[in-house]
């Protein structure tokens, strides 16, 4: 997913964290996939699925937009054009929110 790398590279300098969560796989499998796919965003492991279950994730990809205060603002299930004009407007609007 080259779009994940573009998101990370574009928005990280502006304070947006793109975090990839792997579900129920071992570290070696995930490390191999990250290397093969060239991911540059941080990847964390949910080896037991506890976090996935807590957030009600039943399909991948599932994306959460979380505000500065930790509140979940939105959830999207399935791929989205995050690097397109609408995605950029959304991120810009979230960044422009008062702190």
N, C-alpha and C. Protein backbone atom coordinates (compact mmCIF):
# COMPACT_ATOMS: atom_id res chain seq x y z
N UNK A 1 0.84 -1.18 0.00
CA UNK A 1 0.00 0.00 0.00
C UNK A 1 0.88 1.24 0.00
N UNK A 2 1.30 1.66 -1.16
CA UNK A 2 2.13 2.87 -1.24
C UNK A 2 1.45 4.10 -0.66
N UNK A 3 0.11 4.11 -0.67
CA UNK A 3 -0.59 5.28 -0.13
C UNK A 3 -0.33 5.45 1.36
N UNK A 4 -0.11 4.36 2.09
CA UNK A 4 0.20 4.46 3.52
C UNK A 4 1.52 5.18 3.70
N UNK A 5 2.51 4.84 2.88
CA UNK A 5 3.80 5.52 2.97
C UNK A 5 3.66 7.00 2.64
N UNK A 6 2.88 7.31 1.62
CA UNK A 6 2.67 8.73 1.26
C UNK A 6 1.99 9.48 2.40
N UNK A 7 0.98 8.86 3.01
CA UNK A 7 0.31 9.50 4.16
C UNK A 7 1.31 9.81 5.26
N UNK A 8 2.08 8.81 5.62
CA UNK A 8 3.06 8.98 6.69
C UNK A 8 4.06 10.09 6.35
N UNK A 9 4.61 10.04 5.16
CA UNK A 9 5.64 11.01 4.77
C UNK A 9 5.07 12.42 4.68
N UNK A 10 3.83 12.55 4.23
CA UNK A 10 3.23 13.87 4.07
C UNK A 10 2.77 14.48 5.40
N UNK A 11 2.17 13.68 6.26
CA UNK A 11 1.51 14.24 7.44
C UNK A 11 2.31 14.14 8.73
N UNK A 12 3.27 13.23 8.83
CA UNK A 12 4.05 13.12 10.07
C UNK A 12 4.74 14.43 10.46
N UNK A 13 5.33 15.17 9.51
CA UNK A 13 5.97 16.43 9.91
C UNK A 13 4.97 17.47 10.46
N UNK A 14 3.69 17.25 10.19
CA UNK A 14 2.67 18.19 10.66
C UNK A 14 1.96 17.69 11.92
N UNK A 15 2.48 16.61 12.50
CA UNK A 15 1.93 16.13 13.76
C UNK A 15 0.90 15.03 13.66
N UNK A 16 0.70 14.47 12.48
CA UNK A 16 -0.26 13.38 12.31
C UNK A 16 0.49 12.05 12.40
N UNK A 17 -0.02 11.15 13.21
CA UNK A 17 0.59 9.83 13.34
C UNK A 17 -0.21 8.82 12.54
N UNK A 18 0.46 8.14 11.64
CA UNK A 18 -0.11 7.03 10.91
C UNK A 18 0.47 5.79 11.58
N UNK A 19 -0.38 4.97 12.15
CA UNK A 19 0.06 3.80 12.89
C UNK A 19 -0.60 2.56 12.29
N UNK A 20 0.20 1.61 11.89
CA UNK A 20 -0.30 0.37 11.32
C UNK A 20 -0.36 -0.68 12.43
N UNK A 21 -1.47 -1.39 12.52
CA UNK A 21 -1.63 -2.41 13.55
C UNK A 21 -1.82 -3.76 12.87
N UNK A 22 -0.94 -4.69 13.18
CA UNK A 22 -1.07 -6.02 12.65
C UNK A 22 -1.86 -6.87 13.64
N UNK A 23 -2.72 -7.71 13.12
CA UNK A 23 -3.63 -8.49 13.96
C UNK A 23 -3.26 -9.96 13.96
N UNK A 24 -2.94 -10.47 15.16
CA UNK A 24 -2.79 -11.91 15.42
C UNK A 24 -1.75 -12.61 14.53
N UNK A 25 -0.64 -11.95 14.27
CA UNK A 25 0.44 -12.61 13.56
C UNK A 25 1.71 -12.50 14.40
N UNK A 26 2.64 -13.39 14.14
CA UNK A 26 3.88 -13.36 14.92
C UNK A 26 4.83 -12.30 14.36
N UNK A 27 5.77 -11.91 15.20
CA UNK A 27 6.72 -10.83 14.88
C UNK A 27 7.49 -11.10 13.58
N UNK A 28 7.95 -12.32 13.36
CA UNK A 28 8.74 -12.63 12.17
C UNK A 28 7.92 -12.46 10.89
N UNK A 29 6.68 -12.91 10.92
CA UNK A 29 5.79 -12.77 9.76
C UNK A 29 5.56 -11.30 9.44
N UNK A 30 5.32 -10.52 10.49
CA UNK A 30 5.06 -9.09 10.30
C UNK A 30 6.32 -8.39 9.79
N UNK A 31 7.46 -8.70 10.36
CA UNK A 31 8.72 -8.07 9.93
C UNK A 31 8.98 -8.35 8.46
N UNK A 32 8.72 -9.57 8.04
CA UNK A 32 8.91 -9.94 6.63
C UNK A 32 7.96 -9.15 5.73
N UNK A 33 6.69 -9.04 6.12
CA UNK A 33 5.71 -8.30 5.32
C UNK A 33 6.06 -6.82 5.24
N UNK A 34 6.48 -6.24 6.36
CA UNK A 34 6.87 -4.83 6.39
C UNK A 34 8.03 -4.59 5.43
N UNK A 35 9.03 -5.47 5.47
CA UNK A 35 10.19 -5.33 4.58
C UNK A 35 9.80 -5.50 3.12
N UNK A 36 9.00 -6.51 2.82
CA UNK A 36 8.58 -6.77 1.44
C UNK A 36 7.75 -5.63 0.87
N UNK A 37 6.89 -5.07 1.71
CA UNK A 37 5.98 -4.01 1.24
C UNK A 37 6.57 -2.61 1.38
N UNK A 38 7.68 -2.51 2.09
CA UNK A 38 8.38 -1.23 2.20
C UNK A 38 7.66 -0.20 3.07
N UNK A 39 6.91 -0.65 4.06
CA UNK A 39 6.22 0.29 4.94
C UNK A 39 7.22 1.15 5.70
N UNK A 40 6.93 2.43 5.81
CA UNK A 40 7.79 3.33 6.58
C UNK A 40 7.09 3.85 7.83
N UNK A 41 5.78 3.73 7.91
CA UNK A 41 5.03 4.13 9.11
C UNK A 41 5.27 3.09 10.19
N UNK A 42 5.16 3.49 11.47
CA UNK A 42 5.34 2.52 12.54
C UNK A 42 4.29 1.40 12.49
N UNK A 43 4.73 0.20 12.84
CA UNK A 43 3.86 -0.97 12.87
C UNK A 43 3.89 -1.54 14.28
N UNK A 44 2.71 -1.79 14.84
CA UNK A 44 2.62 -2.43 16.15
C UNK A 44 1.87 -3.74 16.00
N UNK A 45 2.13 -4.64 16.94
CA UNK A 45 1.52 -5.97 16.87
C UNK A 45 0.41 -6.10 17.91
N UNK A 46 -0.73 -6.57 17.49
CA UNK A 46 -1.81 -6.96 18.39
C UNK A 46 -1.86 -8.49 18.31
N UNK A 47 -0.88 -9.12 18.94
CA UNK A 47 -0.69 -10.56 18.80
C UNK A 47 -1.87 -11.38 19.29
N UNK A 48 -2.54 -10.92 20.34
CA UNK A 48 -3.66 -11.69 20.89
C UNK A 48 -5.01 -11.27 20.31
N UNK A 49 -5.05 -10.12 19.66
CA UNK A 49 -6.32 -9.60 19.15
C UNK A 49 -7.11 -8.82 20.18
N UNK A 50 -6.56 -8.60 21.35
CA UNK A 50 -7.29 -7.90 22.42
C UNK A 50 -7.64 -6.47 22.03
N UNK A 51 -6.70 -5.77 21.42
CA UNK A 51 -6.97 -4.38 21.03
C UNK A 51 -7.98 -4.35 19.89
N UNK A 52 -7.80 -5.23 18.94
CA UNK A 52 -8.73 -5.33 17.81
C UNK A 52 -10.15 -5.58 18.31
N UNK A 53 -10.29 -6.52 19.23
CA UNK A 53 -11.61 -6.82 19.79
C UNK A 53 -12.18 -5.62 20.54
N UNK A 54 -11.34 -4.94 21.31
CA UNK A 54 -11.80 -3.79 22.10
C UNK A 54 -12.33 -2.67 21.21
N UNK A 55 -11.74 -2.51 20.04
CA UNK A 55 -12.17 -1.45 19.12
C UNK A 55 -13.19 -1.94 18.09
N UNK A 56 -13.59 -3.17 18.17
CA UNK A 56 -14.62 -3.69 17.27
C UNK A 56 -14.16 -3.80 15.83
N UNK A 57 -12.91 -4.15 15.61
CA UNK A 57 -12.40 -4.30 14.25
C UNK A 57 -12.73 -5.72 13.78
N UNK A 58 -13.49 -5.80 12.68
CA UNK A 58 -13.89 -7.09 12.13
C UNK A 58 -13.44 -7.29 10.70
N UNK A 59 -12.83 -6.24 10.11
CA UNK A 59 -12.35 -6.32 8.73
C UNK A 59 -11.14 -5.41 8.60
N UNK A 60 -10.31 -5.72 7.64
CA UNK A 60 -9.16 -4.87 7.37
C UNK A 60 -9.19 -4.41 5.93
N UNK A 61 -8.72 -3.21 5.67
CA UNK A 61 -8.26 -2.27 6.69
C UNK A 61 -9.43 -1.57 7.38
N UNK A 62 -9.23 -1.25 8.63
CA UNK A 62 -10.12 -0.38 9.38
C UNK A 62 -9.29 0.80 9.84
N UNK A 63 -9.76 1.99 9.57
CA UNK A 63 -9.02 3.20 9.93
C UNK A 63 -9.80 3.98 10.98
N UNK A 64 -9.08 4.49 11.95
CA UNK A 64 -9.66 5.36 12.97
C UNK A 64 -9.01 6.72 12.86
N UNK A 65 -9.80 7.77 12.90
CA UNK A 65 -9.28 9.13 12.99
C UNK A 65 -9.48 9.56 14.43
N UNK A 66 -8.39 9.88 15.10
CA UNK A 66 -8.42 10.20 16.51
C UNK A 66 -7.98 11.64 16.70
N UNK A 67 -8.77 12.39 17.44
CA UNK A 67 -8.45 13.80 17.69
C UNK A 67 -7.30 13.96 18.66
N UNK A 68 -6.84 15.18 18.79
CA UNK A 68 -5.72 15.48 19.69
C UNK A 68 -6.01 15.08 21.13
N UNK A 69 -7.28 15.10 21.50
CA UNK A 69 -7.64 14.77 22.88
C UNK A 69 -7.86 13.26 23.09
N UNK A 70 -7.62 12.46 22.04
CA UNK A 70 -7.77 11.02 22.15
C UNK A 70 -9.15 10.50 21.80
N UNK A 71 -10.07 11.39 21.45
CA UNK A 71 -11.42 11.00 21.08
C UNK A 71 -11.44 10.45 19.65
N UNK A 72 -12.12 9.32 19.47
CA UNK A 72 -12.28 8.77 18.12
C UNK A 72 -13.29 9.65 17.39
N UNK A 73 -12.84 10.25 16.29
CA UNK A 73 -13.68 11.15 15.51
C UNK A 73 -14.43 10.42 14.40
N UNK A 74 -13.81 9.38 13.87
CA UNK A 74 -14.43 8.65 12.77
C UNK A 74 -13.78 7.29 12.62
N UNK A 75 -14.51 6.38 12.00
CA UNK A 75 -13.99 5.05 11.68
C UNK A 75 -14.40 4.74 10.25
N UNK A 76 -13.47 4.21 9.49
CA UNK A 76 -13.74 3.82 8.10
C UNK A 76 -13.31 2.37 7.91
N UNK A 77 -14.20 1.58 7.34
CA UNK A 77 -13.89 0.18 7.07
C UNK A 77 -13.67 0.03 5.57
N UNK A 78 -12.56 -0.56 5.21
CA UNK A 78 -12.20 -0.74 3.81
C UNK A 78 -11.25 0.35 3.34
N UNK A 79 -10.69 0.17 2.16
CA UNK A 79 -9.75 1.14 1.63
C UNK A 79 -10.42 2.49 1.38
N UNK A 80 -9.67 3.54 1.56
CA UNK A 80 -10.15 4.90 1.29
C UNK A 80 -9.08 5.66 0.54
N UNK A 81 -9.47 6.64 -0.26
CA UNK A 81 -8.48 7.44 -0.99
C UNK A 81 -7.91 8.55 -0.10
N UNK A 82 -7.20 8.17 0.97
CA UNK A 82 -6.70 9.14 1.94
C UNK A 82 -5.75 10.16 1.33
N UNK A 83 -5.08 9.80 0.25
CA UNK A 83 -4.11 10.72 -0.35
C UNK A 83 -4.73 11.59 -1.44
N UNK A 84 -6.02 11.40 -1.70
CA UNK A 84 -6.71 12.21 -2.70
C UNK A 84 -7.15 13.53 -2.12
N UNK A 85 -7.80 14.36 -2.92
CA UNK A 85 -8.22 15.70 -2.48
C UNK A 85 -9.12 15.68 -1.25
N UNK A 86 -10.08 14.75 -1.19
CA UNK A 86 -10.98 14.70 -0.03
C UNK A 86 -10.23 14.30 1.23
N UNK A 87 -9.34 13.33 1.12
CA UNK A 87 -8.54 12.92 2.27
C UNK A 87 -7.66 14.05 2.77
N UNK A 88 -7.05 14.77 1.87
CA UNK A 88 -6.20 15.91 2.26
C UNK A 88 -7.03 17.00 2.96
N UNK A 89 -8.22 17.26 2.43
CA UNK A 89 -9.09 18.26 3.07
C UNK A 89 -9.47 17.83 4.48
N UNK A 90 -9.75 16.55 4.63
CA UNK A 90 -10.11 16.04 5.95
C UNK A 90 -8.96 16.20 6.94
N UNK A 91 -7.76 15.78 6.55
CA UNK A 91 -6.62 15.93 7.44
C UNK A 91 -6.34 17.41 7.75
N UNK A 92 -6.45 18.25 6.75
CA UNK A 92 -6.21 19.68 6.96
C UNK A 92 -7.23 20.24 7.95
N UNK A 93 -8.50 19.86 7.80
CA UNK A 93 -9.54 20.34 8.73
C UNK A 93 -9.26 19.87 10.15
N UNK A 94 -8.82 18.63 10.31
CA UNK A 94 -8.50 18.12 11.64
C UNK A 94 -7.31 18.86 12.24
N UNK A 95 -6.32 19.15 11.41
CA UNK A 95 -5.14 19.87 11.91
C UNK A 95 -5.47 21.32 12.27
N UNK A 96 -6.43 21.89 11.58
CA UNK A 96 -6.78 23.29 11.82
C UNK A 96 -7.71 23.47 13.01
N UNK A 97 -8.18 22.36 13.61
CA UNK A 97 -9.04 22.48 14.79
C UNK A 97 -8.29 23.18 15.91
N UNK A 98 -8.99 23.97 16.70
CA UNK A 98 -8.31 24.57 17.84
C UNK A 98 -7.84 23.51 18.80
N UNK A 99 -6.73 23.78 19.45
CA UNK A 99 -6.19 22.81 20.41
C UNK A 99 -6.92 22.88 21.71
